[in-house]
Protein backbone atom coordinates (compact mmCIF):
# COMPACT_ATOMS: atom_id res chain seq x y z
CA UNK A 1 3.95 -48.70 11.61
CA UNK A 2 5.60 -47.40 14.77
CA UNK A 3 8.31 -49.30 16.66
CA UNK A 4 9.35 -49.43 20.25
CA UNK A 5 12.98 -48.18 20.23
CA UNK A 6 15.03 -51.07 19.00
CA UNK A 7 18.02 -53.17 19.78
CA UNK A 8 21.17 -52.01 18.00
CA UNK A 9 20.88 -48.22 18.29
CA UNK A 10 24.31 -46.81 17.53
CA UNK A 11 24.22 -43.00 17.57
CA UNK A 12 22.18 -40.05 18.74
CA UNK A 13 21.87 -36.32 18.26
CA UNK A 14 19.64 -33.98 20.25
CA UNK A 15 18.31 -30.50 19.59
CA UNK A 16 16.96 -30.39 23.14
CA UNK A 17 16.10 -32.87 25.90
CA UNK A 18 12.71 -33.34 24.19
CA UNK A 19 13.85 -33.55 20.57
CA UNK A 20 16.44 -36.06 19.35
CA UNK A 21 17.37 -38.44 16.54
CA UNK A 22 18.63 -41.98 17.20
CA UNK A 23 19.98 -44.25 14.47
CA UNK A 24 20.90 -47.91 14.36
CA UNK A 25 21.07 -51.22 12.58
CA UNK A 26 19.18 -52.05 9.38
CA UNK A 27 18.59 -48.37 8.54
CA UNK A 28 16.68 -47.73 11.74
CA UNK A 29 15.95 -44.07 12.55
CA UNK A 30 13.72 -43.10 15.45
CA UNK A 31 12.83 -39.68 16.79
CA UNK A 32 12.29 -38.71 20.41
CA UNK A 33 9.73 -35.90 20.67
CA UNK A 34 8.34 -34.77 24.02
CA UNK A 35 8.41 -38.25 25.52
CA UNK A 36 7.17 -40.13 22.44
CA UNK A 37 9.18 -42.43 20.16
CA UNK A 38 8.31 -42.60 16.47
CA UNK A 39 9.98 -44.26 13.52
CA UNK A 40 10.97 -42.34 10.41
CA UNK A 41 11.75 -43.89 7.04
CA UNK A 42 15.50 -43.68 6.42
CA UNK A 43 15.57 -44.64 2.75
CA UNK A 44 18.18 -47.34 3.45
CA UNK A 45 18.55 -50.75 5.06
CA UNK A 46 22.26 -50.28 5.74
CA UNK A 47 23.40 -50.22 9.37
CA UNK A 48 23.63 -46.59 10.51
CA UNK A 49 26.37 -45.71 13.02
CA UNK A 50 26.12 -41.99 13.76
CA UNK A 51 23.94 -38.91 13.32
CA UNK A 52 24.57 -35.17 13.55
CA UNK A 53 22.32 -32.17 12.96
CA UNK A 54 22.92 -28.54 12.14
CA UNK A 55 19.31 -27.54 12.76
CA UNK A 56 15.83 -29.07 12.68
CA UNK A 57 15.82 -28.99 8.86
CA UNK A 58 19.33 -30.27 8.23
CA UNK A 59 20.76 -33.48 9.68
CA UNK A 60 23.06 -36.26 8.49
CA UNK A 61 23.42 -39.96 9.33
CA UNK A 62 26.19 -42.27 8.12
CA UNK A 63 26.79 -45.99 8.17
CA UNK A 64 28.02 -49.16 6.55
CA UNK A 65 29.07 -49.34 2.93
CA UNK A 66 29.72 -45.60 2.84
CA UNK A 67 26.01 -44.90 3.33
CA UNK A 68 25.06 -41.24 3.84
CA UNK A 69 21.47 -40.09 4.38
CA UNK A 70 20.19 -36.53 4.87
CA UNK A 71 17.20 -35.01 6.67
CA UNK A 72 15.75 -31.93 4.93
CA UNK A 73 13.06 -31.15 7.46
CA UNK A 74 10.50 -33.40 5.77
CA UNK A 75 12.19 -36.73 5.02
CA UNK A 76 15.42 -38.70 5.09
CA UNK A 77 16.93 -39.60 1.73
CA UNK A 78 20.10 -41.29 0.49
CA UNK A 79 22.84 -38.96 -0.75
CA UNK A 80 25.59 -39.93 -3.19
CA UNK A 81 28.70 -41.07 -1.33
CA UNK A 82 32.25 -41.00 -2.70
CA UNK A 83 33.30 -44.06 -0.66
CA UNK A 84 32.22 -47.63 0.01
CA UNK A 85 34.02 -48.11 3.33
CA UNK A 86 31.91 -48.22 6.49
CA UNK A 87 31.45 -44.77 8.07
CA UNK A 88 31.46 -44.61 11.88
CA UNK A 89 31.03 -40.95 12.82
CA UNK A 90 29.74 -37.64 11.47
CA UNK A 91 30.09 -34.10 12.82
CA UNK A 92 30.28 -30.54 11.53
CA UNK A 93 30.87 -26.92 12.42
CA UNK A 94 28.35 -25.48 9.95
CA UNK A 95 25.76 -26.52 7.39
CA UNK A 96 28.46 -26.44 4.70
CA UNK A 97 31.26 -27.93 6.80
CA UNK A 98 30.47 -31.52 7.73
CA UNK A 99 32.93 -34.41 8.16
CA UNK A 100 32.51 -38.17 8.31
CA UNK A 101 35.15 -40.80 9.12
CA UNK A 102 35.25 -44.57 9.03
CA UNK A 103 37.17 -47.72 8.29
CA UNK A 104 40.24 -47.97 6.05
CA UNK A 105 41.33 -44.49 7.08
CA UNK A 106 38.32 -42.94 5.34
CA UNK A 107 37.71 -39.18 5.64
CA UNK A 108 34.96 -37.43 3.63
CA UNK A 109 33.80 -33.80 3.68
CA UNK A 110 30.59 -31.96 2.74
CA UNK A 111 31.09 -28.40 1.46
CA UNK A 112 27.44 -27.57 1.02
CA UNK A 113 27.24 -29.07 -2.46
CA UNK A 114 28.96 -32.48 -2.62
CA UNK A 115 30.69 -35.04 -0.47
CA UNK A 116 34.35 -35.59 -1.37
CA UNK A 117 37.14 -37.81 -0.09
CA UNK A 118 39.97 -36.10 1.77
CA UNK A 119 43.40 -37.67 2.16
CA UNK A 120 44.72 -38.43 5.65
CA UNK A 121 47.98 -40.32 5.17
CA UNK A 122 48.62 -40.68 8.89
CA UNK A 123 45.40 -42.68 9.25
CA UNK A 124 45.91 -44.97 6.25
CA UNK A 125 44.19 -48.30 6.79
CA UNK A 126 43.01 -47.42 10.30
CA UNK A 127 39.47 -47.53 11.60
CA UNK A 128 38.44 -44.03 12.67
CA UNK A 129 35.57 -43.94 15.14
CA UNK A 130 34.96 -40.41 16.44
CA UNK A 131 34.72 -36.77 15.37
CA UNK A 132 34.24 -33.40 17.00
CA UNK A 133 34.54 -29.93 15.45
CA UNK A 134 35.05 -26.56 17.11
CA UNK A 135 35.37 -24.61 13.85
CA UNK A 136 36.33 -24.99 10.19
CA UNK A 137 39.98 -24.93 11.21
CA UNK A 138 39.80 -27.08 14.33
CA UNK A 139 38.35 -30.53 13.78
CA UNK A 140 39.41 -33.59 15.76
CA UNK A 141 39.17 -37.24 14.73
CA UNK A 142 40.00 -40.33 16.79
CA UNK A 143 40.44 -44.01 16.09
CA UNK A 144 43.03 -46.72 15.78
CA UNK A 145 45.42 -44.19 14.23
CA UNK A 146 45.31 -42.02 17.34
CA UNK A 147 44.17 -38.40 17.55
CA UNK A 148 44.25 -36.36 14.33
CA UNK A 149 43.59 -32.63 13.84
CA UNK A 150 42.32 -30.72 10.81
CA UNK A 151 43.66 -27.17 10.64
CA UNK A 152 41.76 -26.10 7.56
CA UNK A 153 44.44 -27.41 5.21
CA UNK A 154 45.44 -30.96 6.18
CA UNK A 155 44.95 -33.74 8.70
CA UNK A 156 47.88 -34.20 11.08
CA UNK A 157 48.43 -36.84 13.74
CA UNK A 158 49.02 -35.23 17.13
CA UNK A 159 48.87 -38.33 19.32
CA UNK A 160 49.55 -41.90 18.27
CA UNK A 161 47.70 -43.61 21.08
CA UNK A 162 44.42 -45.21 19.87
CA UNK A 163 41.26 -43.52 21.15
CA UNK A 164 37.61 -44.32 20.42
CA UNK A 165 35.48 -41.32 21.34
CA UNK A 166 35.82 -37.53 21.46
CA UNK A 167 33.76 -34.54 22.59
CA UNK A 168 34.47 -30.92 23.44
CA UNK A 169 32.85 -28.15 25.45
CA UNK A 170 34.75 -25.57 23.38
CA UNK A 171 37.96 -25.20 21.36
CA UNK A 172 40.10 -25.27 24.51
CA UNK A 173 38.30 -28.02 26.38
CA UNK A 174 38.19 -31.34 24.53
CA UNK A 175 38.11 -34.90 25.88
CA UNK A 176 39.16 -38.11 24.10
CA UNK A 177 38.61 -41.59 25.54
CA UNK A 178 39.91 -45.04 24.74
CA UNK A 179 41.74 -47.99 26.24
CA UNK A 180 43.97 -47.77 29.27
CA UNK A 181 47.46 -48.97 28.31
CA UNK A 182 49.39 -49.02 31.56
CA UNK A 183 50.53 -52.58 30.81
CA UNK A 184 52.60 -51.30 27.86
CA UNK A 185 53.92 -48.00 29.15
CA UNK A 186 55.88 -48.00 32.42
CA UNK A 187 54.51 -44.58 33.27
CA UNK A 188 51.00 -45.60 32.25
CA UNK A 189 48.67 -43.96 29.77
CA UNK A 190 45.14 -43.70 31.04
CA UNK A 191 41.85 -44.15 29.26
CA UNK A 192 41.06 -40.44 28.92
CA UNK A 193 43.02 -37.49 27.57
CA UNK A 194 42.31 -33.74 27.71
CA UNK A 195 43.08 -30.87 25.30
CA UNK A 196 43.45 -27.49 26.98
CA UNK A 197 44.02 -25.48 23.83
CA UNK A 198 47.76 -26.18 23.73
CA UNK A 199 48.52 -29.82 24.52
CA UNK A 200 46.92 -33.20 25.07
CA UNK A 201 47.36 -34.59 28.60
CA UNK A 202 46.48 -38.09 29.80
CA UNK A 203 44.50 -37.53 32.97
CA UNK A 204 45.19 -39.80 35.98
CA UNK A 205 42.40 -42.18 36.82
CA UNK A 206 40.87 -41.73 40.26
CA UNK A 207 41.99 -44.17 42.90
CA UNK A 208 38.67 -44.11 44.69
CA UNK A 209 35.03 -44.79 43.74
CA UNK A 210 36.06 -45.72 40.19
CA UNK A 211 35.85 -49.26 38.79
CA UNK A 212 39.17 -51.07 39.02
CA UNK A 213 40.87 -51.01 35.64
CA UNK A 214 42.90 -53.74 33.98
CA UNK A 215 44.72 -53.72 30.67
CA UNK A 216 41.45 -54.72 28.98
CA UNK A 217 39.37 -51.94 30.48
CA UNK A 218 38.52 -48.80 28.59
CA UNK A 219 36.25 -45.83 28.29
CA UNK A 220 33.98 -46.48 25.35
CA UNK A 221 32.42 -43.12 24.41
CA UNK A 222 32.26 -39.59 25.82
CA UNK A 223 29.78 -36.71 25.71
CA UNK A 224 28.83 -33.76 27.86
CA UNK A 225 26.69 -30.69 28.30
CA UNK A 226 29.41 -28.25 29.39
CA UNK A 227 32.85 -27.76 30.88
CA UNK A 228 31.83 -29.12 34.28
CA UNK A 229 29.53 -31.87 33.07
CA UNK A 230 31.26 -34.60 31.03
CA UNK A 231 30.13 -38.22 30.85
CA UNK A 232 31.83 -41.42 29.67
CA UNK A 233 30.90 -45.10 29.55
CA UNK A 234 33.11 -48.12 30.12
CA UNK A 235 33.16 -51.47 28.36
CA UNK A 236 33.26 -53.36 31.65
CA UNK A 237 31.48 -51.41 34.40
CA UNK A 238 27.82 -51.91 33.53
CA UNK A 239 26.58 -50.33 36.76
CA UNK A 240 28.14 -46.90 36.44
CA UNK A 241 29.03 -43.93 34.32
CA UNK A 242 32.18 -41.90 34.56
CA UNK A 243 31.49 -38.23 35.33
CA UNK A 244 33.75 -35.17 35.32
CA UNK A 245 32.48 -32.23 37.37
CA UNK A 246 35.14 -29.76 36.25
CA UNK A 247 37.66 -30.94 38.81
CA UNK A 248 37.69 -34.72 39.17
CA UNK A 249 36.35 -37.87 37.56
CA UNK A 250 34.12 -40.16 39.61
CA UNK A 251 31.72 -43.02 39.04
CA UNK A 252 27.96 -42.45 39.10
CA UNK A 253 25.63 -45.47 39.48
CA UNK A 254 22.75 -45.85 37.06
CA UNK A 255 20.22 -47.88 39.04
CA UNK A 256 17.16 -47.86 36.74
CA UNK A 257 18.66 -50.54 34.50
CA UNK A 258 22.43 -50.93 34.99
CA UNK A 259 22.97 -53.11 31.91
CA UNK A 260 21.87 -50.22 29.69
CA UNK A 261 25.36 -48.80 30.12
CA UNK A 262 27.29 -51.89 29.08
CA UNK A 263 29.13 -50.88 25.89
CA UNK A 264 26.73 -47.96 25.53
CA UNK A 265 27.17 -45.27 22.91
CA UNK A 266 26.96 -41.75 24.33
CA UNK A 267 25.71 -38.94 22.15
CA UNK A 268 23.88 -35.66 22.31
CA UNK A 269 23.91 -32.23 20.80
CA UNK A 270 22.54 -29.12 22.38
CA UNK A 271 19.97 -28.47 25.07
CA UNK A 272 21.62 -30.17 28.06
CA UNK A 273 20.78 -33.68 26.85
CA UNK A 274 22.93 -36.80 26.60
CA UNK A 275 21.69 -40.19 25.39
CA UNK A 276 23.20 -43.60 26.21
CA UNK A 277 22.15 -46.25 23.69
CA UNK A 278 23.06 -49.93 23.91
CA UNK A 279 21.84 -53.40 23.01
CA UNK A 280 19.55 -53.51 26.03
CA UNK A 281 18.19 -50.04 26.60
CA UNK A 282 18.22 -46.28 26.21
CA UNK A 283 19.13 -43.86 28.98
CA UNK A 284 18.94 -40.06 28.88
CA UNK A 285 20.56 -37.37 30.98
CA UNK A 286 18.06 -34.50 30.87
CA UNK A 287 20.20 -31.90 32.62
CA UNK A 288 19.36 -32.98 36.15
CA UNK A 289 19.60 -36.77 36.21
CA UNK A 290 19.62 -40.04 34.25
CA UNK A 291 16.32 -41.66 33.32
CA UNK A 292 15.44 -44.81 31.40
CA UNK A 293 13.71 -44.05 28.11
CA UNK A 294 13.15 -47.54 26.67
CA UNK A 295 10.92 -49.23 29.29
CA UNK A 296 13.54 -51.95 29.41
CA UNK A 297 12.00 -53.80 26.46
CA UNK A 298 14.81 -54.74 24.16
CA UNK A 299 15.27 -58.17 22.66
CA UNK A 300 13.46 -60.31 20.12
CA UNK A 301 9.67 -60.20 20.05
CA UNK A 302 8.92 -63.77 19.00
CA UNK A 303 5.25 -63.99 19.96
CA UNK A 304 2.29 -61.60 20.24
CA UNK A 305 -1.28 -62.11 21.44
CA UNK A 306 -3.72 -59.22 21.82
CA UNK A 307 -6.89 -59.42 23.90
CA UNK A 308 -8.02 -55.94 22.86
CA UNK A 309 -6.51 -52.70 21.52
CA UNK A 310 -5.71 -51.74 25.13
CA UNK A 311 -4.63 -55.15 26.43
CA UNK A 312 -1.94 -57.21 24.74
CA UNK A 313 0.96 -59.51 25.51
CA UNK A 314 4.28 -60.31 23.84
CA UNK A 315 7.25 -62.50 24.66
CA UNK A 316 10.76 -61.08 24.42
CA UNK A 317 13.60 -63.37 25.39
CA UNK A 318 12.90 -64.63 28.91
CA UNK A 319 10.18 -62.09 29.70
CA UNK A 320 6.55 -61.32 29.00
CA UNK A 321 5.73 -57.73 28.04
CA UNK A 322 2.30 -56.12 28.44
CA UNK A 323 0.59 -53.45 26.31
CA UNK A 324 -1.85 -51.23 28.24
CA UNK A 325 -3.05 -49.17 25.30
CA UNK A 326 -0.28 -46.61 25.42
CA UNK A 327 3.02 -48.33 26.27
CA UNK A 328 4.77 -51.69 26.56
CA UNK A 329 6.34 -52.75 29.86
CA UNK A 330 7.87 -55.93 31.25
CA UNK A 331 5.19 -57.81 33.17
CA UNK A 332 6.72 -61.16 34.12
CA UNK A 333 9.80 -63.33 33.99
CA UNK A 334 9.41 -67.04 34.75
CA UNK A 335 11.23 -68.51 37.74
CA UNK A 336 13.65 -70.05 37.12
CA UNK A 337 14.44 -67.79 34.19
CA UNK A 338 14.16 -69.45 30.78
CA UNK A 339 13.74 -68.54 27.12
CA UNK A 340 10.11 -68.25 26.01
CA UNK A 341 8.99 -69.39 22.56
CA UNK A 342 5.26 -68.68 22.19
CA UNK A 343 2.22 -67.00 23.75
CA UNK A 344 -1.57 -67.28 23.37
CA UNK A 345 -4.66 -66.42 25.34
CA UNK A 346 -8.43 -66.59 25.39
CA UNK A 347 -9.37 -63.68 27.68
CA UNK A 348 -7.94 -60.95 29.88
CA UNK A 349 -7.61 -63.51 32.69
CA UNK A 350 -6.34 -66.45 30.65
CA UNK A 351 -2.95 -66.05 28.93
CA UNK A 352 -0.35 -68.79 28.39
CA UNK A 353 3.36 -68.62 27.50
CA UNK A 354 5.71 -71.57 26.98
CA UNK A 355 9.45 -72.05 26.68
CA UNK A 356 12.63 -74.00 27.20
CA UNK A 357 12.85 -76.58 29.95
CA UNK A 358 9.20 -77.55 29.73
CA UNK A 359 8.20 -74.25 31.33
CA UNK A 360 4.59 -73.07 31.08
CA UNK A 361 3.48 -69.80 32.68
CA UNK A 362 -0.14 -68.67 33.07
CA UNK A 363 -1.83 -65.32 33.73
CA UNK A 364 -5.13 -65.51 35.62
CA UNK A 365 -5.86 -61.80 35.57
CA UNK A 366 -3.98 -61.09 38.78
CA UNK A 367 -0.71 -63.05 38.83
CA UNK A 368 1.58 -65.12 36.65
CA UNK A 369 2.25 -68.66 37.86
CA UNK A 370 4.98 -70.93 36.54
CA UNK A 371 4.79 -74.72 36.12
CA UNK A 372 6.88 -77.34 34.36
CA UNK A 373 5.81 -80.21 32.12
CA UNK A 374 7.89 -83.23 33.04
CA UNK A 375 9.67 -85.17 30.33
CA UNK A 376 9.89 -82.41 27.71
CA UNK A 377 12.52 -79.76 26.94
CA UNK A 378 11.45 -77.51 24.06
CA UNK A 379 7.83 -76.40 24.45
CA UNK A 380 7.52 -74.48 21.22
CA UNK A 381 3.92 -73.50 20.63
CA UNK A 382 0.67 -73.02 22.55
CA UNK A 383 -3.01 -72.59 21.72
CA UNK A 384 -6.06 -72.56 24.00
CA UNK A 385 -9.82 -72.37 23.60
CA UNK A 386 -10.42 -71.88 27.33
CA UNK A 387 -8.52 -72.38 30.63
CA UNK A 388 -9.42 -76.10 30.59
CA UNK A 389 -8.48 -76.77 26.98
CA UNK A 390 -4.84 -75.91 26.28
CA UNK A 391 -2.59 -77.50 23.66
CA UNK A 392 1.20 -77.33 23.33
CA UNK A 393 3.82 -78.90 21.08
CA UNK A 394 7.13 -80.12 22.46
CA UNK A 395 10.23 -81.67 20.93
CA UNK A 396 13.58 -83.14 21.88
CA UNK A 397 16.74 -82.96 19.81
CA UNK A 398 17.01 -86.12 17.70
CA UNK A 399 14.09 -87.75 19.51
CA UNK A 400 10.32 -87.85 19.61
CA UNK A 401 7.97 -84.90 19.40
CA UNK A 402 4.77 -84.62 21.41
CA UNK A 403 1.47 -82.85 21.43
CA UNK A 404 0.27 -82.35 25.01
CA UNK A 405 -3.11 -81.29 26.38
CA UNK A 406 -4.13 -79.55 29.60
CA UNK A 407 -7.68 -80.13 30.91
CA UNK A 408 -7.54 -77.70 33.80
CA UNK A 409 -6.03 -80.24 36.16
CA UNK A 410 -3.08 -81.98 34.51
CA UNK A 411 -1.00 -82.26 31.35
CA UNK A 412 -1.29 -85.47 29.33
CA UNK A 413 0.34 -86.64 26.12
CA UNK A 414 -2.21 -86.44 23.31
CA UNK A 415 0.01 -87.64 20.48
CA UNK A 416 3.59 -88.78 19.88
CA UNK A 417 5.39 -88.23 16.59
CA UNK A 418 8.58 -90.19 15.98
CA UNK A 419 11.13 -88.70 13.57
CA UNK A 420 8.87 -85.87 12.43
CA UNK A 421 9.27 -82.77 14.56
CA UNK A 422 5.97 -81.04 15.29
CA UNK A 423 6.17 -77.27 15.32
CA UNK A 424 3.19 -75.05 15.88
CA UNK A 425 -0.39 -75.59 17.01
CA UNK A 426 -3.59 -73.66 16.25
CA UNK A 427 -7.26 -74.41 16.65
CA UNK A 428 -10.67 -73.20 15.59
CA UNK A 429 -12.36 -75.00 18.49
CA UNK A 430 -11.74 -77.65 21.12
CA UNK A 431 -12.61 -80.34 18.54
CA UNK A 432 -10.80 -78.67 15.65
CA UNK A 433 -7.06 -78.48 16.43
CA UNK A 434 -4.25 -78.36 13.86
CA UNK A 435 -0.55 -79.18 14.31
CA UNK A 436 2.12 -78.67 11.64
CA UNK A 437 5.25 -80.82 11.30
CA UNK A 438 8.56 -80.09 9.60
CA UNK A 439 8.00 -82.75 6.94
CA UNK A 440 4.92 -80.96 5.65
CA UNK A 441 2.49 -83.28 7.39
CA UNK A 442 -0.42 -81.50 9.07
CA UNK A 443 -2.13 -83.30 11.93
CA UNK A 444 -5.79 -82.65 12.78
CA UNK A 445 -7.75 -83.44 15.95
CA UNK A 446 -11.53 -83.67 15.58
CA UNK A 447 -12.24 -84.34 19.22
CA UNK A 448 -11.89 -88.10 18.85
CA UNK A 449 -9.00 -89.05 16.56
CA UNK A 450 -5.95 -87.62 14.81
CA UNK A 451 -5.76 -87.60 11.01
CA UNK A 452 -2.89 -86.57 8.74
CA UNK A 453 -2.84 -84.56 5.51
CA UNK A 454 0.10 -83.58 3.32
CA UNK A 455 0.68 -79.85 2.75
CA UNK A 456 3.46 -80.35 0.15
CA UNK A 457 5.81 -77.88 1.85
CA UNK A 458 8.28 -78.28 4.66
CA UNK A 459 7.16 -76.21 7.59
CA UNK A 460 9.07 -73.95 9.95
CA UNK A 461 6.53 -71.26 10.76
CA UNK A 462 3.31 -70.57 12.62
CA UNK A 463 0.05 -72.13 11.43
CA UNK A 464 -3.06 -69.94 11.60
CA UNK A 465 -6.65 -69.86 10.43
CA UNK A 466 -10.03 -68.23 10.76
CA UNK A 467 -12.14 -71.42 10.61
CA UNK A 468 -11.90 -75.16 9.92
CA UNK A 469 -12.21 -74.35 6.20
CA UNK A 470 -9.64 -71.53 6.22
CA UNK A 471 -6.23 -72.65 7.52
CA UNK A 472 -2.87 -71.23 6.41
CA UNK A 473 0.67 -72.54 6.59
CA UNK A 474 3.98 -70.86 5.57
CA UNK A 475 6.50 -73.09 3.87
CA UNK A 476 10.27 -73.26 4.03
CA UNK A 477 12.35 -71.10 1.66
CA UNK A 478 13.84 -74.19 -0.05
CA UNK A 479 10.30 -75.05 -1.17
CA UNK A 480 10.00 -71.69 -2.89
CA UNK A 481 8.69 -69.85 0.13
CA UNK A 482 5.11 -70.90 -0.64
CA UNK A 483 2.19 -70.27 1.67
CA UNK A 484 -0.39 -73.03 1.41
CA UNK A 485 -4.12 -72.94 2.21
CA UNK A 486 -6.62 -75.52 3.45
CA UNK A 487 -10.15 -74.95 2.14
CA UNK A 488 -11.77 -77.85 3.98
CA UNK A 489 -10.85 -80.39 1.33
CA UNK A 490 -7.20 -80.02 0.31
CA UNK A 491 -4.03 -77.95 0.64
CA UNK A 492 -3.15 -75.67 -2.29
CA UNK A 493 -0.49 -73.03 -2.91
CA UNK A 494 -1.83 -69.49 -2.62
CA UNK A 495 -1.12 -67.24 -5.65
CA UNK A 496 1.76 -64.78 -5.28
CA UNK A 497 3.07 -66.11 -1.97
CA UNK A 498 6.42 -67.10 -3.50
CA UNK A 499 7.30 -63.44 -4.12
CA UNK A 500 7.12 -62.62 -0.41
CA UNK A 501 10.27 -64.54 0.59
CA UNK A 502 10.68 -66.80 3.61
CA UNK A 503 7.62 -66.19 5.78
CA UNK A 504 7.50 -67.68 9.28
CA UNK A 505 4.31 -66.49 10.95
CA UNK A 506 0.71 -65.87 9.89
CA UNK A 507 -2.41 -64.20 11.29
CA UNK A 508 -5.65 -65.14 9.55
CA UNK A 509 -8.58 -62.85 10.33
CA UNK A 510 -10.88 -63.95 7.50
CA UNK A 511 -10.60 -65.79 4.15
CA UNK A 512 -9.86 -62.44 2.52
CA UNK A 513 -7.72 -60.94 5.28
CA UNK A 514 -4.48 -62.75 6.16
CA UNK A 515 -1.14 -61.28 7.23
CA UNK A 516 2.28 -62.93 6.91
CA UNK A 517 5.71 -61.88 8.22
CA UNK A 518 9.19 -63.30 7.76
CA UNK A 519 12.87 -62.81 7.12
CA UNK A 520 14.48 -59.49 6.15
CA UNK A 521 11.51 -57.37 7.23
CA UNK A 522 9.09 -59.13 4.87
CA UNK A 523 5.37 -58.44 5.39
CA UNK A 524 2.61 -59.61 3.08
CA UNK A 525 -1.19 -59.33 2.95
CA UNK A 526 -3.76 -61.65 1.35
CA UNK A 527 -6.96 -59.96 0.14
CA UNK A 528 -8.78 -63.05 -1.09
CA UNK A 529 -7.25 -63.12 -4.56
CA UNK A 530 -3.50 -62.65 -4.12
CA UNK A 531 -0.61 -61.71 -1.86
CA UNK A 532 0.76 -58.15 -1.79
CA UNK A 533 4.19 -57.31 -0.28
CA UNK A 534 3.98 -54.49 2.28
CA UNK A 535 7.03 -52.24 2.81
CA UNK A 536 7.73 -51.46 6.47
CA UNK A 537 11.16 -49.83 6.19
CA UNK A 538 13.02 -52.47 8.22
CA UNK A 539 15.27 -55.35 7.23
CA UNK A 540 15.25 -57.13 10.59
CA UNK A 541 13.76 -60.62 10.62
CA UNK A 542 10.12 -60.58 11.73
CA UNK A 543 8.83 -63.52 13.78
CA UNK A 544 5.32 -62.80 15.06
CA UNK A 545 2.09 -61.20 13.88
CA UNK A 546 -1.38 -60.57 15.31
CA UNK A 547 -4.22 -58.90 13.44
CA UNK A 548 -7.60 -57.43 14.39
CA UNK A 549 -10.63 -57.36 12.09
CA UNK A 550 -10.55 -53.55 12.02
CA UNK A 551 -7.17 -53.57 10.22
CA UNK A 552 -4.92 -53.04 13.24
CA UNK A 553 -1.86 -55.29 12.94
CA UNK A 554 0.96 -55.92 15.41
CA UNK A 555 4.29 -57.35 14.20
CA UNK A 556 7.29 -58.45 16.28
CA UNK A 557 10.80 -59.53 15.41
CA UNK A 558 14.47 -59.53 16.24
CA UNK A 559 16.42 -56.38 17.12
CA UNK A 560 13.59 -55.47 19.52
CA UNK A 561 11.33 -54.67 16.59
CA UNK A 562 7.65 -54.30 17.38
CA UNK A 563 5.45 -52.54 14.84
CA UNK A 564 1.83 -51.48 14.82
CA UNK A 565 -0.28 -50.78 11.74
CA UNK A 566 -3.30 -48.60 12.40
CA UNK A 567 -6.45 -49.03 10.29
């Protein structure tokens, strides 16, 4: 399964502008190779904070709980760590000289054989956040304790002012960045300091074309490609980067997607490449300019509907994303902007998405149009058999729930449920529509009347089926996490479903081919006799699934996770 680059990327290392590692939350590791993103198993579900590589067959990533993983040219694997404190940064001067630092004043060193703790009394209890090494006898670390230097024998504090990021062009040209502190010091200490080989100097901030700084402003991270090409990000100026051209610092706008740079982590390596990773995007400086590398799709994928292998739709936050067979891109955002909950379609010119505020948007093959259903707030689920037969569920906090129907001309209330919140809707045909409620009641429309059956589980997920005699429903974790099945006569618990965990969404292709996804990266498959857990290498909660008969499966979830399984 291959993801779109995900929310929560924390660190990057590049061998060239076309070859880089990025690491992030929940053990996420992705590789950038000649314009293509691919996921690589990390061997851990711990949050990873930083990555550094000596060469293409030797790289390290570190993260929470003292986690250390190593790339050997073929795979990433967990390496024994001497500490349990969170590690924030890793860097080295050689294959047998690698350092990592983290919380609680943690310093660890790799000598080519083992990782070992190294004492740094001047950083005791502090959170250390950055590393850069010029040689075995000149290594710099920054964090709450200030700037520390390793001389080959011991760590010594050389500056007590807290800094967050560090990078150097060479041993006599090193930059450290952090928070401006002019409110505390009458003379004023700025947010960036420079090492010239002899002393650290706090460099004056430009008075022109630079975002106005206050005591809360700071430079977040720093990286560069050479002496006259240094970049830094701020924690407040989302529309610009700081750039040093060898003489002065100035601001440089990043217009492709300005919010990418808000609290972005800068990183790189060799090959004139710098990456900016944040909660909302990935930018790359390729030696000539900044380009967006994430297509702007970062958020939670909470609904997926595929018309064909080359035509699919997903909802992410307040937007609809489109798959054209090779890439995802943002296709629409409802006006006024609102959070979207579900999506479904019947053809390439008939796709529906619903969301907060009673909003319903529709794709007719050419444009998206937005309408609003009066009298409802949370429109949670949608299913359609054709453009003149559309069903949605809607609820109000502490009030009635409704099932509404669209006949091609107007929305009407088809059913009202008092005190029992209706959740999702699915149908096999216009006269065979199913609605699940939180209590475990399942409502069925046969074209004339509604009837109720009891599924014996409380429901919070997405109902699905392949026919009127093959309907599936995931139950709440407090009910043992069961998935129940309707065979045309009664609801029964399906064997082995309790071992999958809390599943929230299903995609039924056939009675012997059903997919389920849920919390903590859980994926399961039903083959007609039992459920089998499927490992995907992610611990992020998964919220949506769509499956084709040929075995292709799409999965979406939080942290911008979207996965594809090829047959």
